[in-house]
Amino acid sequence: MPDFNDALEARIPADSPDAIRQVLLHAWSRDLTTLKTLLERPGAASEQDTKTGETPLHAVVRGCGPAATAQPGGDEDEDDEEGEEDSEVAEARACIQELFFSGAIWNDVDDHNETPGCTALRLGHKSLYRMFVDAGVRAEMLFGLMGGYEQLSSGAADDEEDMEREADEQQQGEEAKEDEEATGGKEERESEVAEEDAPAKDTEEPTPAQFVAPDAGEKTVTSEDYLQSTITYDGDKLLDEDLNGVMMAWETDIMRRSVATLLPSPSSSSSPGPRILNIGFGMGIVDGLFADLHPSKHHIIEAHPGVLAHVTSGGHPRFNPAWEASGPEPGAFQVLPGRWQDVVPTLAERGELYDAIYFDTFGEDYAQLRDFFSDWVPALLNAEGRFGFFNGLGADRRVCYDVYARVFEMHAAEAGLDVEWQDVEVDMRGLGEDGKGAWEGVRRRYWTLDSK
């Protein structure tokens, strides 16, 4: 874990713009009374120091210092050991709640690419951490109701938040314009007279520079971009043309555990093998594990032309035209080309049923995953069957990962699915540093957690 300087003078520099500095200082000291007054200024709750990116939420957490029994990266679901009567934590909770009421953004990052929740977890304040998870869940559920989902990852303030701010500013401007028209422009004329009488100003106060998050320019990968990109099979990894890791060999242990969970009881020699549907072939890792179970039906949906060409040309040692011909009956073993959105309705119309369904696409966000398990899993899954997916949602930071887990549970329950999580330990040797180990030649790490 990198070293962090959490001292006040390091996080809130003396040359920080005064208005921002005052909010940060009173947040740091958990002075709720003064903080409420300062938050009356629009936008104050989400301002950031221009150098460190410190937000009032970061300052509240950091001002508490490390918890007495801090366990960085520990289980956020364990009971707090901070003590029910810990006045500092109680004050911090009150300040965080006030900041949320005033529009603070739960997942803004600082110059170390930490959200306030990341800081709370690192310092061992689990009850504060849970406040940020709860805030993220509320935000995601709200975005869902509004017809879209925020892609949670490292980055600057989210586009949706920026759009909301712009909308508020536009509304305020329109209201001001209406007031002006209603009074015949009286305020403007009085302002012009006042300016004529007032002494000239030599200079205007400069606008503070805006903090830029470490990966503010990070390109978001979309399914459309990916499907049009050129892919490369490079030994233990599959890369797109921007060197994003589409699938990598280190994921094998996770997928092996997933297969064992989806199909815990191997078929006997006298009974037919399991019926399996996998969405997203990639390197064929999970499909190889499924094939070892001698399925009676094994359907694979793959959309990328390059992956399909790799399979049909015999580039994969196991999955090729000969594999399709080896099925127990015609059509039992198939690679179905196309986007799952186009292929799955056809399978449902044919009345196909599966004992296990696995979902691992690339470049799609949570909205697509929700559409799949809400609209199609109930139609395709056998009554005793199981559905699983490669849970890489927000896997570059724990707080986003935990938010998505909670959101998924809620939506899965709405779809009539029972949810059971299994923790899988991830061997982080060779995965802990950008550009090194397994990540050599990969543009960025998409996984930073030691468990899933």
Foldseek 3Di string as FASTA:
>chain_A
DDDDDLDPCVQQPPPFPPLLSVLLVCLLVLVQVVNLVSLVPQPNLAAAGQAWRDGSLLSLLSSVAAQPPADAPDDLPDDAPNDPPNVSVVSSVVNVVSSVVSPYDQAAATQVLGGSLNSNRRSRNSVSNVVSLVVLLVVQVVQVVVPDGWQDARAHDTPVSVVVVVVVVVVVVVVVVVVCVVVVNVVVVVVVVVVVPDDDDPDDDDDDHGHGYPVHVPDQFAPVNQLPFDWDDDPQFIATPVQATLDGNLCLLVLLVVVCVQCVDQDDPVDAGFAEEEEACGLVRNVVSSVVSVHLAYEYEHERPNVVCCAAVCVRVARYPVNQVPHPDHNRYYYHYHHCVPVQVVCLVVQAAGQEYEYRGPRDAVVVVLCCLQPRCVSHYDPNGDYYYDQLRRQNGDSRSSSVVVNCCVSNVVSVDDDDDDKDFRPCVQPADDCTRSNPSHPGRSHHRRID
